[in-house]
Protein backbone atom coordinates (compact mmCIF):
# COMPACT_ATOMS: atom_id res chain seq x y z
CA UNK A 1 98.90 131.74 152.91
CA UNK A 2 97.16 129.17 155.07
CA UNK A 3 94.13 130.45 156.94
CA UNK A 4 94.63 130.38 160.71
CA UNK A 5 92.88 127.55 162.51
CA UNK A 6 89.74 128.90 164.08
CA UNK A 7 87.78 127.47 166.98
CA UNK A 8 84.68 125.50 166.14
CA UNK A 9 81.37 127.29 166.39
CA UNK A 10 79.10 126.10 169.15
CA UNK A 11 77.85 122.61 168.54
CA UNK A 12 74.21 122.59 167.50
CA UNK A 13 72.30 119.68 169.06
CA UNK A 14 69.53 118.06 167.06
CA UNK A 15 67.32 115.07 167.52
CA UNK A 16 69.30 113.01 165.02
CA UNK A 17 72.77 114.49 165.20
CA UNK A 18 75.24 116.98 166.59
CA UNK A 19 76.50 119.43 163.98
CA UNK A 20 79.83 121.22 164.28
CA UNK A 21 80.74 124.00 161.87
CA UNK A 22 83.67 126.28 161.18
CA UNK A 23 84.95 128.70 158.56
CA UNK A 24 88.41 127.11 158.62
CA UNK A 25 89.29 124.22 156.34
CA UNK A 26 92.19 123.29 158.62
CA UNK A 27 89.93 123.08 161.66
CA UNK A 28 87.43 121.00 159.71
CA UNK A 29 90.13 118.56 158.62
CA UNK A 30 91.37 118.16 162.17
CA UNK A 31 88.08 116.57 163.13
CA UNK A 32 86.81 115.08 159.87
CA UNK A 33 89.80 113.99 157.76
CA UNK A 34 90.04 110.52 159.29
CA UNK A 35 86.39 109.75 158.57
CA UNK A 36 86.54 111.26 155.10
CA UNK A 37 89.66 109.27 154.21
CA UNK A 38 87.76 106.03 154.76
CA UNK A 39 86.09 106.79 151.40
CA UNK A 40 88.84 108.99 149.98
CA UNK A 41 87.87 108.53 146.32
CA UNK A 42 84.24 109.51 146.96
CA UNK A 43 85.21 112.38 149.25
CA UNK A 44 88.13 113.68 147.19
CA UNK A 45 86.41 116.94 146.24
CA UNK A 46 85.46 117.84 149.81
CA UNK A 47 88.93 116.98 151.10
CA UNK A 48 90.63 119.05 148.41
CA UNK A 49 88.36 122.06 148.99
CA UNK A 50 89.18 121.98 152.71
CA UNK A 51 92.90 121.73 151.95
CA UNK A 52 92.84 124.63 149.45
CA UNK A 53 90.55 127.08 151.24
CA UNK A 54 92.54 130.04 152.51
CA UNK A 55 95.68 129.35 150.51
CA UNK A 56 97.10 132.24 148.51
CA UNK A 57 96.52 131.71 144.81
CA UNK A 58 93.60 129.32 145.25
CA UNK A 59 90.65 129.82 142.92
CA UNK A 60 88.30 129.20 145.86
CA UNK A 61 86.62 132.27 147.33
CA UNK A 62 84.63 132.91 150.53
CA UNK A 63 82.20 132.53 152.10
CA UNK A 64 83.90 129.39 153.42
CA UNK A 65 81.89 127.02 155.60
CA UNK A 66 82.64 123.48 156.74
CA UNK A 67 80.26 121.26 158.64
CA UNK A 68 80.30 117.79 160.17
CA UNK A 69 77.24 115.97 161.52
CA UNK A 70 77.41 112.83 163.65
CA UNK A 71 74.43 110.75 164.73
CA UNK A 72 74.08 108.98 168.04
CA UNK A 73 74.58 105.71 166.16
CA UNK A 74 77.99 106.87 164.90
CA UNK A 75 77.08 107.67 161.29
CA UNK A 76 78.42 110.91 159.87
CA UNK A 77 77.98 113.34 157.02
CA UNK A 78 79.98 116.34 155.87
CA UNK A 79 79.32 119.41 153.77
CA UNK A 80 81.48 122.32 152.67
CA UNK A 81 80.81 125.64 150.99
CA UNK A 82 83.17 127.76 148.92
CA UNK A 83 82.75 129.76 145.75
CA UNK A 84 82.56 128.98 142.88
CA UNK A 85 81.76 125.38 143.86
CA UNK A 86 78.87 126.16 146.19
CA UNK A 87 77.81 123.48 148.66
CA UNK A 88 79.39 120.04 148.23
CA UNK A 89 78.13 117.09 150.26
CA UNK A 90 79.21 113.55 151.09
CA UNK A 91 76.83 110.62 150.96
CA UNK A 92 74.85 110.53 154.22
CA UNK A 93 71.53 109.82 155.91
CA UNK A 94 68.73 112.23 155.10
CA UNK A 95 68.48 113.50 158.71
CA UNK A 96 72.16 114.42 158.76
CA UNK A 97 71.81 116.23 155.44
CA UNK A 98 68.84 118.22 156.70
CA UNK A 99 70.71 119.21 159.87
CA UNK A 100 73.80 120.32 157.96
CA UNK A 101 71.87 122.41 155.44
CA UNK A 102 69.74 123.96 158.17
CA UNK A 103 72.90 124.98 160.01
CA UNK A 104 74.43 126.41 156.82
CA UNK A 105 71.39 128.59 156.11
CA UNK A 106 70.97 129.66 159.73
CA UNK A 107 74.60 130.77 159.72
CA UNK A 108 73.94 133.13 156.82
CA UNK A 109 74.77 131.21 153.63
CA UNK A 110 72.25 130.30 150.94
CA UNK A 111 74.15 128.26 148.34
CA UNK A 112 73.52 128.94 144.68
CA UNK A 113 74.79 125.49 143.75
CA UNK A 114 74.50 122.14 145.53
CA UNK A 115 76.56 119.15 144.46
CA UNK A 116 76.47 115.62 145.83
CA UNK A 117 75.01 112.13 145.44
CA UNK A 118 71.60 112.44 143.74
CA UNK A 119 69.34 111.69 146.73
CA UNK A 120 71.48 113.72 149.14
CA UNK A 121 71.61 116.71 146.76
CA UNK A 122 67.83 116.62 146.37
CA UNK A 123 67.27 116.52 150.13
CA UNK A 124 69.76 119.37 150.57
CA UNK A 125 67.99 121.45 147.91
CA UNK A 126 64.60 120.79 149.51
CA UNK A 127 65.92 121.80 152.93
CA UNK A 128 67.45 125.04 151.67
CA UNK A 129 64.27 125.81 149.70
CA UNK A 130 62.07 125.38 152.76
CA UNK A 131 64.23 127.80 154.75
CA UNK A 132 65.09 130.42 152.15
CA UNK A 133 62.13 130.44 149.75
CA UNK A 134 64.42 129.58 146.86
CA UNK A 135 63.99 126.71 144.42
CA UNK A 136 66.58 124.51 142.79
CA UNK A 137 66.65 122.47 139.60
CA UNK A 138 69.07 119.78 138.43
CA UNK A 139 71.54 121.12 135.87
CA UNK A 140 73.94 118.26 135.18
CA UNK A 141 74.42 114.68 136.21
CA UNK A 142 77.91 113.24 136.66
CA UNK A 143 79.40 109.78 136.98
CA UNK A 144 82.66 109.02 138.75
CA UNK A 145 85.30 106.66 137.41
CA UNK A 146 88.44 105.45 139.14
CA UNK A 147 91.38 103.11 138.68
CA UNK A 148 94.06 101.78 140.99
CA UNK A 149 95.90 99.82 138.31
CA UNK A 150 98.28 101.08 135.64
CA UNK A 151 96.80 101.30 132.15
CA UNK A 152 98.27 98.44 130.13
CA UNK A 153 96.63 99.33 126.82
CA UNK A 154 99.43 100.50 124.50
CA UNK A 155 99.24 103.96 123.02
CA UNK A 156 98.68 104.14 119.27
CA UNK A 157 98.85 107.92 118.99
CA UNK A 158 102.17 109.46 117.96
CA UNK A 159 103.76 111.91 120.35
CA UNK A 160 104.54 112.22 124.02
CA UNK A 161 103.35 113.73 127.28
CA UNK A 162 105.12 116.66 128.90
CA UNK A 163 104.49 119.08 131.72
CA UNK A 164 103.21 122.45 130.52
CA UNK A 165 105.49 125.45 131.12
CA UNK A 166 105.06 129.22 131.11
CA UNK A 167 106.06 129.25 127.45
CA UNK A 168 102.83 127.37 126.71
CA UNK A 169 100.53 129.99 128.26
CA UNK A 170 99.30 131.30 124.91
CA UNK A 171 98.22 127.92 123.58
CA UNK A 172 96.79 126.95 126.98
CA UNK A 173 94.59 130.05 126.94
CA UNK A 174 93.54 129.28 123.36
CA UNK A 175 92.59 125.71 124.30
CA UNK A 176 90.65 127.07 127.29
CA UNK A 177 88.72 129.48 125.09
CA UNK A 178 87.80 126.64 122.74
CA UNK A 179 86.74 124.51 125.69
CA UNK A 180 84.44 127.29 126.93
CA UNK A 181 82.76 127.47 123.53
CA UNK A 182 81.77 123.81 123.86
CA UNK A 183 81.05 123.43 127.57
CA UNK A 184 79.93 125.56 130.47
CA UNK A 185 82.04 125.61 133.62
CA UNK A 186 82.07 127.30 137.02
CA UNK A 187 85.14 129.36 136.13
CA UNK A 188 86.52 130.46 132.78
CA UNK A 189 88.29 127.41 131.38
CA UNK A 190 91.27 129.42 130.20
CA UNK A 191 91.77 130.88 133.70
CA UNK A 192 91.42 127.43 135.25
CA UNK A 193 93.95 125.82 132.91
CA UNK A 194 96.41 128.67 133.42
CA UNK A 195 95.98 128.24 137.17
CA UNK A 196 96.81 124.55 136.80
CA UNK A 197 99.84 125.49 134.72
CA UNK A 198 101.09 127.69 137.57
CA UNK A 199 100.61 124.76 139.99
CA UNK A 200 102.51 122.41 137.68
CA UNK A 201 99.37 120.28 137.35
CA UNK A 202 98.85 120.73 133.60
CA UNK A 203 100.13 118.31 130.97
CA UNK A 204 100.22 118.51 127.19
CA UNK A 205 100.28 115.77 124.57
CA UNK A 206 102.37 116.85 121.62
CA UNK A 207 103.01 115.04 118.37
CA UNK A 208 106.55 114.61 116.94
CA UNK A 209 106.46 118.12 115.50
CA UNK A 210 107.92 120.34 118.26
CA UNK A 211 105.28 122.49 119.92
CA UNK A 212 102.36 120.90 118.09
CA UNK A 213 99.98 120.41 121.04
CA UNK A 214 97.06 118.03 120.50
CA UNK A 215 95.55 117.48 123.97
CA UNK A 216 95.55 119.27 127.31
CA UNK A 217 94.97 117.45 130.60
CA UNK A 218 94.65 119.03 134.07
CA UNK A 219 94.97 117.43 137.51
CA UNK A 220 93.36 118.46 140.77
CA UNK A 221 92.22 117.10 144.13
CA UNK A 222 95.57 115.88 145.39
CA UNK A 223 94.77 114.22 148.70
CA UNK A 224 96.72 111.60 150.64
CA UNK A 225 96.22 108.69 148.24
CA UNK A 226 94.05 110.06 145.42
CA UNK A 227 94.51 112.47 142.54
CA UNK A 228 91.76 113.60 140.17
CA UNK A 229 91.82 114.23 136.45
CA UNK A 230 89.93 117.52 136.37
CA UNK A 231 89.90 118.41 132.68
CA UNK A 232 90.77 116.85 129.35
CA UNK A 233 90.45 118.75 126.09
CA UNK A 234 91.32 117.97 122.49
CA UNK A 235 90.26 120.53 119.85
CA UNK A 236 87.74 119.23 117.34
CA UNK A 237 90.23 119.13 114.46
CA UNK A 238 92.53 116.75 116.36
CA UNK A 239 89.92 114.28 117.60
CA UNK A 240 89.67 110.69 116.52
CA UNK A 241 93.42 109.99 116.58
CA UNK A 242 93.77 108.69 120.13
CA UNK A 243 95.54 111.73 121.58
CA UNK A 244 93.24 112.03 124.62
CA UNK A 245 93.48 108.31 125.35
CA UNK A 246 97.26 108.48 125.15
CA UNK A 247 97.42 111.50 127.46
CA UNK A 248 95.11 109.92 130.04
CA UNK A 249 97.10 106.69 129.90
CA UNK A 250 100.43 108.42 130.50
CA UNK A 251 99.14 110.73 133.25
CA UNK A 252 97.41 107.86 135.06
CA UNK A 253 100.49 105.65 134.99
CA UNK A 254 102.75 108.54 136.01
CA UNK A 255 100.63 109.45 139.05
CA UNK A 256 100.23 105.83 140.18
CA UNK A 257 103.97 105.40 139.74
CA UNK A 258 104.58 108.38 142.03
CA UNK A 259 102.70 106.75 144.89
CA UNK A 260 99.04 107.66 144.49
CA UNK A 261 96.77 104.67 145.05
CA UNK A 262 93.91 105.85 142.84
CA UNK A 263 93.29 108.18 139.92
CA UNK A 264 89.71 109.36 139.64
CA UNK A 265 87.63 111.64 137.42
CA UNK A 266 84.11 112.90 136.84
CA UNK A 267 82.34 112.87 133.49
CA UNK A 268 78.87 113.94 132.41
CA UNK A 269 76.66 110.89 132.03
CA UNK A 270 75.70 111.98 128.50
CA UNK A 271 79.31 112.11 127.27
CA UNK A 272 79.36 108.67 125.66
CA UNK A 273 82.67 109.24 123.84
CA UNK A 274 84.54 110.11 127.04
CA UNK A 275 82.94 107.26 128.98
CA UNK A 276 83.98 104.83 126.23
CA UNK A 277 87.58 106.06 126.48
CA UNK A 278 87.72 105.73 130.26
CA UNK A 279 86.18 102.27 130.33
CA UNK A 280 88.47 101.07 127.56
CA UNK A 281 91.46 102.29 129.58
CA UNK A 282 90.33 100.29 132.59
CA UNK A 283 88.57 102.93 134.70
CA UNK A 284 85.61 101.52 136.59
CA UNK A 285 82.35 103.19 137.55
CA UNK A 286 82.44 104.42 141.14
CA UNK A 287 79.31 106.47 141.74
CA UNK A 288 77.16 109.35 140.54
CA UNK A 289 76.40 112.94 141.52
CA UNK A 290 74.03 115.70 140.52
CA UNK A 291 74.54 119.43 140.31
CA UNK A 292 71.55 121.43 141.57
CA UNK A 293 71.45 125.14 140.79
CA UNK A 294 69.44 127.97 142.25
CA UNK A 295 66.51 128.59 139.94
CA UNK A 296 64.28 131.34 141.32
CA UNK A 297 62.48 132.50 144.45
CA UNK A 298 59.50 130.33 145.30
CA UNK A 299 56.23 132.02 144.40
CA UNK A 300 54.17 132.02 147.58
CA UNK A 301 50.79 133.53 146.79
CA UNK A 302 48.65 134.86 149.61
CA UNK A 303 44.91 135.31 149.72
């Protein structure tokens, strides 16, 4: 169920900006969506969080918080908070970032995770630390890739792509459990993939043998013109045969064919194999982000 639109909290004037905040994603979008859509690929995560917050069945949990800062020169920055994602920020000037994070903390939320462009995330972490006596450390670095053109590279892997159905829930959970053994994630991978199955945003690559699933691929972040590949997994025993490449190719072309202007994804900067696949398929580098996590209270010794 969609959360009711709530009135904005009182605007908080600052030397560099005016910050407006709300607990309603719908209210936030009413004032910020136009600006965010100017860089829809970069802001896809923030837009999708605002669209999902408050909907029944969403994996997002409160406390919800959405903030927009505008400077007197017309520049803007936005930040959102929802669990399990924590605080997610757009690219912005340092003063706007400081104002947004100060407002977030003063309104009762100390994020345990901060995600955004590297410099912005560091400024946000420093601001929260100075106000809450907490310290943050970088956990993972991510790079964004995107494409607006169909993948023309032919598939060499046998099989085909199909939408996952409820009959696949057992194998989807098994793939999720294997994923969790290899990588850490904010939510249990099996729960996330099953959630995507229920949303009809989960695809499977199967070889000619009926039911023989080789690769799983999940979609997320459906905004006006952009969709995001949010998870790709091929079990170790099936790797090296081109199944993931084939699945990404077919999903990308399908989504572009249905009217989306861009397909985007995030990948850890150390995942050379995945980066090689994406670049070979025609995805281009779009930007980078860092994930800062709450480390420990700051030790403030007194005489």
